[in-house]
PDB file of N, CA and C in Angstrom:
ATOM      1  N   MET A   1      11.816  35.115   6.676  1.00  0.00           N
ATOM      2  CA  MET A   1      12.560  33.980   5.973  1.00  0.00           C
ATOM      3  C   MET A   1      12.575  32.542   6.794  1.00  0.00           C
ATOM      4  N   LYS A   2      13.199  32.867   7.746  1.00  0.00           N
ATOM      5  CA  LYS A   2      13.683  31.728   8.775  1.00  0.00           C
ATOM      6  C   LYS A   2      12.323  31.198   9.269  1.00  0.00           C
ATOM      7  N   TYR A   3      11.434  32.024   9.542  1.00  0.00           N
ATOM      8  CA  TYR A   3       9.982  31.479  10.146  1.00  0.00           C
ATOM      9  C   TYR A   3       9.502  30.738   8.913  1.00  0.00           C
ATOM     10  N   THR A   4       9.680  30.994   7.855  1.00  0.00           N
ATOM     11  CA  THR A   4       8.997  30.365   6.500  1.00  0.00           C
ATOM     12  C   THR A   4       9.648  28.885   6.553  1.00  0.00           C
ATOM     13  N   ARG A   5      10.671  28.982   6.536  1.00  0.00           N
ATOM     14  CA  ARG A   5      11.437  27.439   6.395  1.00  0.00           C
ATOM     15  C   ARG A   5      11.109  26.667   7.748  1.00  0.00           C
ATOM     16  N   ILE A   6      11.225  27.162   8.750  1.00  0.00           N
ATOM     17  CA  ILE A   6      10.767  26.261   9.877  1.00  0.00           C
ATOM     18  C   ILE A   6       9.183  25.798   9.805  1.00  0.00           C
ATOM     19  N   ALA A   7       8.342  26.697   9.510  1.00  0.00           N
ATOM     20  CA  ALA A   7       6.859  26.410   9.367  1.00  0.00           C
ATOM     21  C   ALA A   7       6.574  25.284   8.216  1.00  0.00           C
ATOM     22  N   THR A   8       7.589  25.444   6.858  1.00  0.00           N
ATOM     23  CA  THR A   8       7.427  24.458   5.991  1.00  0.00           C
ATOM     24  C   THR A   8       8.041  23.004   6.416  1.00  0.00           C
ATOM     25  N   ILE A   9       9.185  22.949   7.427  1.00  0.00           N
ATOM     26  CA  ILE A   9       9.517  21.786   7.752  1.00  0.00           C
ATOM     27  C   ILE A   9       8.758  21.234   8.928  1.00  0.00           C
ATOM     28  N   ALA A  10       7.951  21.861   9.785  1.00  0.00           N
ATOM     29  CA  ALA A  10       6.956  21.536  10.390  1.00  0.00           C
ATOM     30  C   ALA A  10       5.729  20.601  10.021  1.00  0.00           C
ATOM     31  N   LEU A  11       5.406  21.710   8.822  1.00  0.00           N
ATOM     32  CA  LEU A  11       3.983  21.031   7.955  1.00  0.00           C
ATOM     33  C   LEU A  11       4.561  19.663   7.345  1.00  0.00           C
ATOM     34  N   ALA A  12       5.674  19.408   6.813  1.00  0.00           N
ATOM     35  CA  ALA A  12       6.353  18.282   6.202  1.00  0.00           C
ATOM     36  C   ALA A  12       6.225  17.226   7.147  1.00  0.00           C
ATOM     37  N   ILE A  13       6.875  17.435   8.282  1.00  0.00           N
ATOM     38  CA  ILE A  13       6.746  16.379   9.436  1.00  0.00           C
ATOM     39  C   ILE A  13       5.570  15.952   9.889  1.00  0.00           C
ATOM     40  N   ALA A  14       4.576  17.042   9.969  1.00  0.00           N
ATOM     41  CA  ALA A  14       3.169  16.437  10.320  1.00  0.00           C
ATOM     42  C   ALA A  14       2.581  15.645   9.109  1.00  0.00           C
ATOM     43  N   ALA A  15       2.822  16.124   7.786  1.00  0.00           N
ATOM     44  CA  ALA A  15       2.101  15.284   6.981  1.00  0.00           C
ATOM     45  C   ALA A  15       2.668  13.945   6.875  1.00  0.00           C
ATOM     46  N   ILE A  16       3.986  13.671   7.132  1.00  0.00           N
ATOM     47  CA  ILE A  16       4.504  12.384   7.250  1.00  0.00           C
ATOM     48  C   ILE A  16       3.986  11.570   8.600  1.00  0.00           C
ATOM     49  N   GLY A  17       3.750  12.251   9.587  1.00  0.00           N
ATOM     50  CA  GLY A  17       3.098  11.418  10.586  1.00  0.00           C
ATOM     51  C   GLY A  17       1.883  11.373  10.414  1.00  0.00           C
ATOM     52  N   ASN A  18       1.002  11.998   9.804  1.00  0.00           N
ATOM     53  CA  ASN A  18      -0.244  11.681   9.475  1.00  0.00           C
ATOM     54  C   ASN A  18      -0.457  10.433   8.501  1.00  0.00           C
ATOM     55  N   SER A  19       0.374  10.375   7.589  1.00  0.00           N
ATOM     56  CA  SER A  19       0.586   9.245   6.668  1.00  0.00           C
ATOM     57  C   SER A  19       0.731   8.075   7.483  1.00  0.00           C
ATOM     58  N   VAL A  20       1.799   7.869   8.257  1.00  0.00           N
ATOM     59  CA  VAL A  20       2.006   6.636   9.100  1.00  0.00           C
ATOM     60  C   VAL A  20       0.835   6.480  10.017  1.00  0.00           C
ATOM     61  N   GLN A  21       0.296   7.336  10.507  1.00  0.00           N
ATOM     62  CA  GLN A  21      -1.058   6.938  11.238  1.00  0.00           C
ATOM     63  C   GLN A  21      -1.986   6.475  10.682  1.00  0.00           C
ATOM     64  N   ALA A  22      -2.308   7.110   9.366  1.00  0.00           N
ATOM     65  CA  ALA A  22      -3.423   6.518   8.470  1.00  0.00           C
ATOM     66  C   ALA A  22      -3.041   5.136   8.055  1.00  0.00           C
ATOM     67  N   GLN A  23      -1.923   4.995   7.827  1.00  0.00           N
ATOM     68  CA  GLN A  23      -1.341   3.232   7.226  1.00  0.00           C
ATOM     69  C   GLN A  23      -1.646   2.426   8.252  1.00  0.00           C
ATOM     70  N   ALA A  24      -1.495   2.698   9.622  1.00  0.00           N
ATOM     71  CA  ALA A  24      -1.556   1.720  10.792  1.00  0.00           C
ATOM     72  C   ALA A  24      -3.171   1.599  10.992  1.00  0.00           C
ATOM     73  N   THR A  25      -3.783   2.608  10.382  1.00  0.00           N
ATOM     74  CA  THR A  25      -5.222   2.119  11.003  1.00  0.00           C
ATOM     75  C   THR A  25      -6.081   1.515   9.749  1.00  0.00           C
ATOM     76  N   LEU A  26      -5.383   1.441   8.428  1.00  0.00           N
ATOM     77  CA  LEU A  26      -6.388   0.822   7.303  1.00  0.00           C
ATOM     78  C   LEU A  26      -6.366  -0.716   7.752  1.00  0.00           C
ATOM     79  N   PRO A  27      -7.791  -0.781   7.541  1.00  0.00           N
ATOM     80  CA  PRO A  27      -8.285  -2.316   7.597  1.00  0.00           C
ATOM     81  C   PRO A  27      -7.428  -3.307   6.433  1.00  0.00           C
ATOM     82  N   PRO A  28      -7.048  -4.583   6.998  1.00  0.00           N
ATOM     83  CA  PRO A  28      -6.421  -5.313   5.902  1.00  0.00           C
ATOM     84  C   PRO A  28      -7.269  -6.037   5.163  1.00  0.00           C
ATOM     85  N   ALA A  29      -7.012  -6.251   3.806  1.00  0.00           N
ATOM     86  CA  ALA A  29      -7.804  -7.051   2.880  1.00  0.00           C
ATOM     87  C   ALA A  29      -7.281  -8.271   2.499  1.00  0.00           C
ATOM     88  N   GLN A  30      -7.942  -9.258   2.066  1.00  0.00           N
ATOM     89  CA  GLN A  30      -7.318 -10.572   1.690  1.00  0.00           C
ATOM     90  C   GLN A  30      -7.190 -10.722   0.005  1.00  0.00           C
ATOM     91  N   ALA A  31      -6.109 -11.652  -0.078  1.00  0.00           N
ATOM     92  CA  ALA A  31      -5.971 -11.459  -1.606  1.00  0.00           C
ATOM     93  C   ALA A  31      -5.178 -12.824  -1.997  1.00  0.00           C
ATOM     94  N   GLU A  32      -5.174 -13.416  -3.184  1.00  0.00           N
ATOM     95  CA  GLU A  32      -4.231 -14.216  -3.912  1.00  0.00           C
ATOM     96  C   GLU A  32      -3.547 -13.509  -4.729  1.00  0.00           C
ATOM     97  N   VAL A  33      -2.005 -13.810  -4.574  1.00  0.00           N
ATOM     98  CA  VAL A  33      -1.048 -13.141  -5.701  1.00  0.00           C
ATOM     99  C   VAL A  33      -1.296 -13.804  -6.996  1.00  0.00           C
ATOM    100  N   ARG A  34      -1.462 -13.053  -7.999  1.00  0.00           N
ATOM    101  CA  ARG A  34      -1.584 -13.478  -9.244  1.00  0.00           C
ATOM    102  C   ARG A  34      -0.288 -13.342 -10.187  1.00  0.00           C
ATOM    103  N   LYS A  35       0.345 -12.436  -9.975  1.00  0.00           N
ATOM    104  CA  LYS A  35       1.480 -11.888 -10.804  1.00  0.00           C
ATOM    105  C   LYS A  35       2.333 -11.183  -9.979  1.00  0.00           C
ATOM    106  N   ILE A  36       3.719 -11.164 -10.207  1.00  0.00           N
ATOM    107  CA  ILE A  36       4.604 -10.268  -9.447  1.00  0.00           C
ATOM    108  C   ILE A  36       5.654  -9.555 -10.599  1.00  0.00           C
ATOM    109  N   ASP A  37       5.648  -8.397 -10.602  1.00  0.00           N
ATOM    110  CA  ASP A  37       6.473  -7.596 -11.764  1.00  0.00           C
ATOM    111  C   ASP A  37       7.766  -6.979 -10.807  1.00  0.00           C
ATOM    112  N   LEU A  38       8.539  -7.576 -10.649  1.00  0.00           N
ATOM    113  CA  LEU A  38       9.552  -6.952 -10.077  1.00  0.00           C
ATOM    114  C   LEU A  38      10.513  -5.776 -10.500  1.00  0.00           C
ATOM    115  N   GLU A  39      10.548  -5.852 -11.853  1.00  0.00           N
ATOM    116  CA  GLU A  39      11.122  -4.738 -12.452  1.00  0.00           C
ATOM    117  C   GLU A  39      10.384  -3.526 -12.156  1.00  0.00           C
ATOM    118  N   ASN A  40       9.001  -3.337 -12.174  1.00  0.00           N
ATOM    119  CA  ASN A  40       8.275  -2.226 -12.188  1.00  0.00           C
ATOM    120  C   ASN A  40       7.619  -2.081 -11.006  1.00  0.00           C
ATOM    121  N   LYS A  41       7.955  -2.748  -9.805  1.00  0.00           N
ATOM    122  CA  LYS A  41       7.212  -2.756  -8.363  1.00  0.00           C
ATOM    123  C   LYS A  41       5.682  -2.942  -8.492  1.00  0.00           C
ATOM    124  N   LYS A  42       5.544  -3.786  -9.082  1.00  0.00           N
ATOM    125  CA  LYS A  42       3.999  -4.191  -9.280  1.00  0.00           C
ATOM    126  C   LYS A  42       3.544  -5.281  -8.830  1.00  0.00           C
ATOM    127  N   ILE A  43       2.369  -5.650  -8.411  1.00  0.00           N
ATOM    128  CA  ILE A  43       1.970  -6.880  -7.914  1.00  0.00           C
ATOM    129  C   ILE A  43       0.382  -7.057  -8.484  1.00  0.00           C
ATOM    130  N   THR A  44      -0.063  -8.060  -9.175  1.00  0.00           N
ATOM    131  CA  THR A  44      -1.542  -8.413  -9.374  1.00  0.00           C
ATOM    132  C   THR A  44      -2.161  -9.253  -8.282  1.00  0.00           C
ATOM    133  N   LEU A  45      -3.029  -8.615  -8.028  1.00  0.00           N
ATOM    134  CA  LEU A  45      -3.642  -9.341  -6.503  1.00  0.00           C
ATOM    135  C   LEU A  45      -5.571  -9.715  -7.122  1.00  0.00           C
ATOM    136  N   LYS A  46      -5.904 -11.017  -6.677  1.00  0.00           N
ATOM    137  CA  LYS A  46      -7.110 -11.067  -6.836  1.00  0.00           C
ATOM    138  C   LYS A  46      -7.675 -10.899  -5.512  1.00  0.00           C
ATOM    139  N   HIS A  47      -8.346  -9.736  -5.015  1.00  0.00           N
ATOM    140  CA  HIS A  47      -8.727  -9.457  -3.761  1.00  0.00           C
ATOM    141  C   HIS A  47     -10.029  -9.349  -3.515  1.00  0.00           C
ATOM    142  N   GLY A  48     -10.290  -9.385  -2.163  1.00  0.00           N
ATOM    143  CA  GLY A  48     -11.694  -9.387  -1.658  1.00  0.00           C
ATOM    144  C   GLY A  48     -11.703  -7.699  -1.249  1.00  0.00           C
ATOM    145  N   GLU A  49     -13.239  -7.318  -0.770  1.00  0.00           N
ATOM    146  CA  GLU A  49     -13.274  -6.071  -0.612  1.00  0.00           C
ATOM    147  C   GLU A  49     -12.172  -5.472   0.128  1.00  0.00           C
ATOM    148  N   ILE A  50     -11.814  -3.919  -0.447  1.00  0.00           N
ATOM    149  CA  ILE A  50     -10.802  -3.174   0.317  1.00  0.00           C
ATOM    150  C   ILE A  50     -11.638  -2.158   0.959  1.00  0.00           C
ATOM    151  N   LYS A  51     -12.114  -2.185   2.027  1.00  0.00           N
ATOM    152  CA  LYS A  51     -12.896  -0.944   2.729  1.00  0.00           C
ATOM    153  C   LYS A  51     -12.803   0.302   2.857  1.00  0.00           C
ATOM    154  N   ASN A  52     -11.348   0.630   3.143  1.00  0.00           N
ATOM    155  CA  ASN A  52     -10.945   2.132   3.025  1.00  0.00           C
ATOM    156  C   ASN A  52     -11.339   2.729   1.575  1.00  0.00           C
ATOM    157  N   LEU A  53     -11.273   1.920   0.857  1.00  0.00           N
ATOM    158  CA  LEU A  53     -11.082   2.226  -0.484  1.00  0.00           C
ATOM    159  C   LEU A  53     -12.594   2.257  -1.519  1.00  0.00           C
ATOM    160  N   ASN A  54     -13.690   1.628  -0.670  1.00  0.00           N
ATOM    161  CA  ASN A  54     -15.045   1.241  -0.997  1.00  0.00           C
ATOM    162  C   ASN A  54     -14.634   0.539  -2.270  1.00  0.00           C
ATOM    163  N   MET A  55     -13.967  -0.452  -2.487  1.00  0.00           N
ATOM    164  CA  MET A  55     -13.681  -1.276  -3.756  1.00  0.00           C
ATOM    165  C   MET A  55     -13.940  -2.460  -3.305  1.00  0.00           C
ATOM    166  N   PRO A  56     -14.936  -3.071  -4.376  1.00  0.00           N
ATOM    167  CA  PRO A  56     -15.442  -4.531  -4.368  1.00  0.00           C
ATOM    168  C   PRO A  56     -14.313  -5.515  -4.700  1.00  0.00           C
ATOM    169  N   GLY A  57     -14.412  -7.001  -4.404  1.00  0.00           N
ATOM    170  CA  GLY A  57     -13.315  -7.833  -4.903  1.00  0.00           C
ATOM    171  C   GLY A  57     -13.085  -7.760  -6.370  1.00  0.00           C
ATOM    172  N   MET A  58     -12.070  -7.995  -6.656  1.00  0.00           N
ATOM    173  CA  MET A  58     -11.870  -7.878  -8.288  1.00  0.00           C
ATOM    174  C   MET A  58     -10.150  -8.348  -8.423  1.00  0.00           C
ATOM    175  N   THR A  59      -9.862  -8.489  -9.635  1.00  0.00           N
ATOM    176  CA  THR A  59      -8.378  -8.614  -9.930  1.00  0.00           C
ATOM    177  C   THR A  59      -7.803  -7.305 -10.538  1.00  0.00           C
ATOM    178  N   MET A  60      -6.597  -6.860  -9.969  1.00  0.00           N
ATOM    179  CA  MET A  60      -6.031  -5.718 -10.273  1.00  0.00           C
ATOM    180  C   MET A  60      -4.484  -5.569 -10.094  1.00  0.00           C
ATOM    181  N   VAL A  61      -3.727  -4.648 -10.682  1.00  0.00           N
ATOM    182  CA  VAL A  61      -2.678  -4.329 -10.472  1.00  0.00           C
ATOM    183  C   VAL A  61      -2.176  -3.119  -9.504  1.00  0.00           C
ATOM    184  N   PHE A  62      -1.260  -3.514  -8.604  1.00  0.00           N
ATOM    185  CA  PHE A  62      -1.025  -2.408  -7.578  1.00  0.00           C
ATOM    186  C   PHE A  62       0.410  -2.137  -7.935  1.00  0.00           C
ATOM    187  N   VAL A  63       0.971  -0.918  -7.314  1.00  0.00           N
ATOM    188  CA  VAL A  63       2.276  -0.590  -7.169  1.00  0.00           C
ATOM    189  C   VAL A  63       2.470  -0.939  -5.664  1.00  0.00           C
ATOM    190  N   VAL A  64       3.620  -1.469  -5.451  1.00  0.00           N
ATOM    191  CA  VAL A  64       4.013  -1.538  -3.912  1.00  0.00           C
ATOM    192  C   VAL A  64       4.944  -0.494  -3.571  1.00  0.00           C
ATOM    193  N   LYS A  65       4.622  -0.238  -2.259  1.00  0.00           N
ATOM    194  CA  LYS A  65       5.292   1.070  -1.635  1.00  0.00           C
ATOM    195  C   LYS A  65       6.765   0.525  -1.647  1.00  0.00           C
ATOM    196  N   ASP A  66       7.011  -0.474  -1.290  1.00  0.00           N
ATOM    197  CA  ASP A  66       8.561  -1.209  -1.087  1.00  0.00           C
ATOM    198  C   ASP A  66       8.936  -2.491  -1.839  1.00  0.00           C
ATOM    199  N   ALA A  67       9.765  -2.408  -2.792  1.00  0.00           N
ATOM    200  CA  ALA A  67      10.052  -3.552  -3.670  1.00  0.00           C
ATOM    201  C   ALA A  67      10.338  -4.514  -2.635  1.00  0.00           C
ATOM    202  N   LYS A  68      10.543  -4.599  -1.577  1.00  0.00           N
ATOM    203  CA  LYS A  68      11.385  -5.735  -0.593  1.00  0.00           C
ATOM    204  C   LYS A  68       9.936  -6.615  -0.239  1.00  0.00           C
ATOM    205  N   PHE A  69       8.739  -6.022  -0.315  1.00  0.00           N
ATOM    206  CA  PHE A  69       7.622  -6.560  -0.113  1.00  0.00           C
ATOM    207  C   PHE A  69       7.677  -7.763  -1.151  1.00  0.00           C
ATOM    208  N   LEU A  70       8.024  -7.683  -2.502  1.00  0.00           N
ATOM    209  CA  LEU A  70       7.798  -8.706  -3.523  1.00  0.00           C
ATOM    210  C   LEU A  70       8.833  -9.817  -3.050  1.00  0.00           C
ATOM    211  N   ASP A  71       9.514  -9.702  -2.334  1.00  0.00           N
ATOM    212  CA  ASP A  71      10.791 -10.739  -2.042  1.00  0.00           C
ATOM    213  C   ASP A  71      10.045 -11.872  -1.147  1.00  0.00           C
ATOM    214  N   ASP A  72       8.942 -11.571  -0.362  1.00  0.00           N
ATOM    215  CA  ASP A  72       8.422 -12.240   0.772  1.00  0.00           C
ATOM    216  C   ASP A  72       7.268 -12.941   0.354  1.00  0.00           C
ATOM    217  N   VAL A  73       6.662 -12.787  -1.201  1.00  0.00           N
ATOM    218  CA  VAL A  73       5.485 -13.448  -1.599  1.00  0.00           C
ATOM    219  C   VAL A  73       5.611 -13.875  -2.927  1.00  0.00           C
ATOM    220  N   LYS A  74       4.984 -15.095  -3.253  1.00  0.00           N
ATOM    221  CA  LYS A  74       5.137 -15.633  -4.611  1.00  0.00           C
ATOM    222  C   LYS A  74       3.833 -15.765  -5.435  1.00  0.00           C
ATOM    223  N   THR A  75       3.605 -16.126  -6.630  1.00  0.00           N
ATOM    224  CA  THR A  75       2.364 -16.277  -7.443  1.00  0.00           C
ATOM    225  C   THR A  75       1.589 -17.564  -6.627  1.00  0.00           C
ATOM    226  N   GLY A  76       0.530 -17.318  -6.472  1.00  0.00           N
ATOM    227  CA  GLY A  76      -0.232 -18.542  -5.714  1.00  0.00           C
ATOM    228  C   GLY A  76      -0.591 -18.164  -4.131  1.00  0.00           C
ATOM    229  N   ASP A  77       0.295 -17.514  -3.396  1.00  0.00           N
ATOM    230  CA  ASP A  77       0.357 -17.239  -2.021  1.00  0.00           C
ATOM    231  C   ASP A  77      -1.114 -16.587  -1.775  1.00  0.00           C
ATOM    232  N   LYS A  78      -1.704 -16.813  -0.784  1.00  0.00           N
ATOM    233  CA  LYS A  78      -2.822 -16.112  -0.029  1.00  0.00           C
ATOM    234  C   LYS A  78      -2.230 -15.037   0.770  1.00  0.00           C
ATOM    235  N   VAL A  79      -2.462 -13.782   0.746  1.00  0.00           N
ATOM    236  CA  VAL A  79      -1.871 -12.619   1.754  1.00  0.00           C
ATOM    237  C   VAL A  79      -3.014 -11.793   1.945  1.00  0.00           C
ATOM    238  N   SER A  80      -2.391 -10.996   3.029  1.00  0.00           N
ATOM    239  CA  SER A  80      -3.343 -10.021   3.801  1.00  0.00           C
ATOM    240  C   SER A  80      -2.584  -8.864   3.594  1.00  0.00           C
ATOM    241  N   PHE A  81      -3.086  -7.405   3.209  1.00  0.00           N
ATOM    242  CA  PHE A  81      -2.323  -6.339   2.940  1.00  0.00           C
ATOM    243  C   PHE A  81      -3.019  -5.267   2.968  1.00  0.00           C
ATOM    244  N   THR A  82      -2.589  -4.080   2.898  1.00  0.00           N
ATOM    245  CA  THR A  82      -3.238  -2.872   3.257  1.00  0.00           C
ATOM    246  C   THR A  82      -3.067  -2.193   1.834  1.00  0.00           C
ATOM    247  N   ALA A  83      -3.903  -1.367   1.433  1.00  0.00           N
ATOM    248  CA  ALA A  83      -3.825  -0.394   0.314  1.00  0.00           C
ATOM    249  C   ALA A  83      -4.540   0.851   0.524  1.00  0.00           C
ATOM    250  N   ASP A  84      -3.791   1.754  -0.496  1.00  0.00           N
ATOM    251  CA  ASP A  84      -4.322   3.064  -0.475  1.00  0.00           C
ATOM    252  C   ASP A  84      -4.432   3.822  -1.882  1.00  0.00           C
ATOM    253  N   HIS A  85      -5.040   4.771  -2.112  1.00  0.00           N
ATOM    254  CA  HIS A  85      -4.751   5.543  -3.360  1.00  0.00           C
ATOM    255  C   HIS A  85      -4.217   6.796  -3.120  1.00  0.00           C
ATOM    256  N   ILE A  86      -3.006   6.577  -3.656  1.00  0.00           N
ATOM    257  CA  ILE A  86      -1.643   7.600  -3.312  1.00  0.00           C
ATOM    258  C   ILE A  86      -1.284   8.141  -4.326  1.00  0.00           C
ATOM    259  N   ASN A  87      -1.432   9.388  -4.531  1.00  0.00           N
ATOM    260  CA  ASN A  87      -0.948  10.426  -5.736  1.00  0.00           C
ATOM    261  C   ASN A  87      -1.646   9.841  -7.148  1.00  0.00           C
ATOM    262  N   GLY A  88      -2.929   9.237  -6.847  1.00  0.00           N
ATOM    263  CA  GLY A  88      -3.650   8.783  -8.053  1.00  0.00           C
ATOM    264  C   GLY A  88      -3.182   7.406  -8.274  1.00  0.00           C
ATOM    265  N   VAL A  89      -2.463   6.834  -7.631  1.00  0.00           N
ATOM    266  CA  VAL A  89      -2.081   5.283  -7.709  1.00  0.00           C
ATOM    267  C   VAL A  89      -2.423   4.504  -6.822  1.00  0.00           C
ATOM    268  N   PHE A  90      -3.180   3.564  -7.099  1.00  0.00           N
ATOM    269  CA  PHE A  90      -3.378   2.334  -5.983  1.00  0.00           C
ATOM    270  C   PHE A  90      -2.235   1.469  -5.435  1.00  0.00           C
ATOM    271  N   THR A  91      -1.684   1.700  -4.252  1.00  0.00           N
ATOM    272  CA  THR A  91      -0.511   1.299  -3.832  1.00  0.00           C
ATOM    273  C   THR A  91      -0.531   0.391  -2.709  1.00  0.00           C
ATOM    274  N   VAL A  92       0.034  -0.561  -2.757  1.00  0.00           N
ATOM    275  CA  VAL A  92       0.326  -1.527  -1.455  1.00  0.00           C
ATOM    276  C   VAL A  92       1.170  -1.090  -0.472  1.00  0.00           C
ATOM    277  N   LEU A  93       0.561  -0.726   0.666  1.00  0.00           N
ATOM    278  CA  LEU A  93       1.537  -0.303   1.590  1.00  0.00           C
ATOM    279  C   LEU A  93       2.227  -1.379   2.696  1.00  0.00           C
ATOM    280  N   SER A  94       1.424  -2.620   2.773  1.00  0.00           N
ATOM    281  CA  SER A  94       2.028  -3.523   3.570  1.00  0.00           C
ATOM    282  C   SER A  94       1.351  -4.857   2.955  1.00  0.00           C
ATOM    283  N   ILE A  95       1.947  -5.979   3.037  1.00  0.00           N
ATOM    284  CA  ILE A  95       1.604  -7.236   2.600  1.00  0.00           C
ATOM    285  C   ILE A  95       2.498  -8.431   3.337  1.00  0.00           C
ATOM    286  N   LYS A  96       1.544  -9.537   3.721  1.00  0.00           N
ATOM    287  CA  LYS A  96       2.305 -10.646   4.415  1.00  0.00           C
ATOM    288  C   LYS A  96       1.433 -11.759   4.049  1.00  0.00           C
ATOM    289  N   LYS A  97       2.215 -12.957   3.868  1.00  0.00           N
ATOM    290  CA  LYS A  97       1.135 -14.270   3.842  1.00  0.00           C
ATOM    291  C   LYS A  97       0.265 -14.551   4.789  1.00  0.00           C
ATOM    292  N   ALA A  98      -0.820 -15.045   4.464  1.00  0.00           N
ATOM    293  CA  ALA A  98      -1.780 -15.349   5.349  1.00  0.00           C
ATOM    294  C   ALA A  98      -1.527 -16.395   5.906  1.00  0.00           C
ATOM    295  N   ASN A  99      -2.131 -16.735   7.072  1.00  0.00           N
ATOM    296  CA  ASN A  99      -2.118 -17.870   8.107  1.00  0.00           C
ATOM    297  C   ASN A  99      -2.864 -19.265   7.536  1.00  0.00           C
TER     298      ASN A  99
END
C-alpha cells in the first residue's frame, strides 16, 4: 500500500514537471486582444498562426490559465502569447504586451 502511494505521488510530480517543461518550449504567437471576460477567465484574441496547435490565424476565445493575466492587457493591445489544448479547452498559458 505504501509503495502504491509513493508511486502515485512520483507520477504526479513527473506529470507536473513535464507540463512546466512543455510550456517553456511552446512557440509564442502574436495577437490583438479583442475582448476580455474577467468573470469567466476568457480572452478573445485575433491571432496569427499557433504553430504548436497547427492552427491558422483567426479570431477565437481562449480560457486563461491564470486570471491575473487579464489584469495586464486591455482590448486593442498587441500581445505575444502561448497556448495549448488542455483537457479539451484551448488555454492561454502566458501572455504579455508586444513591444
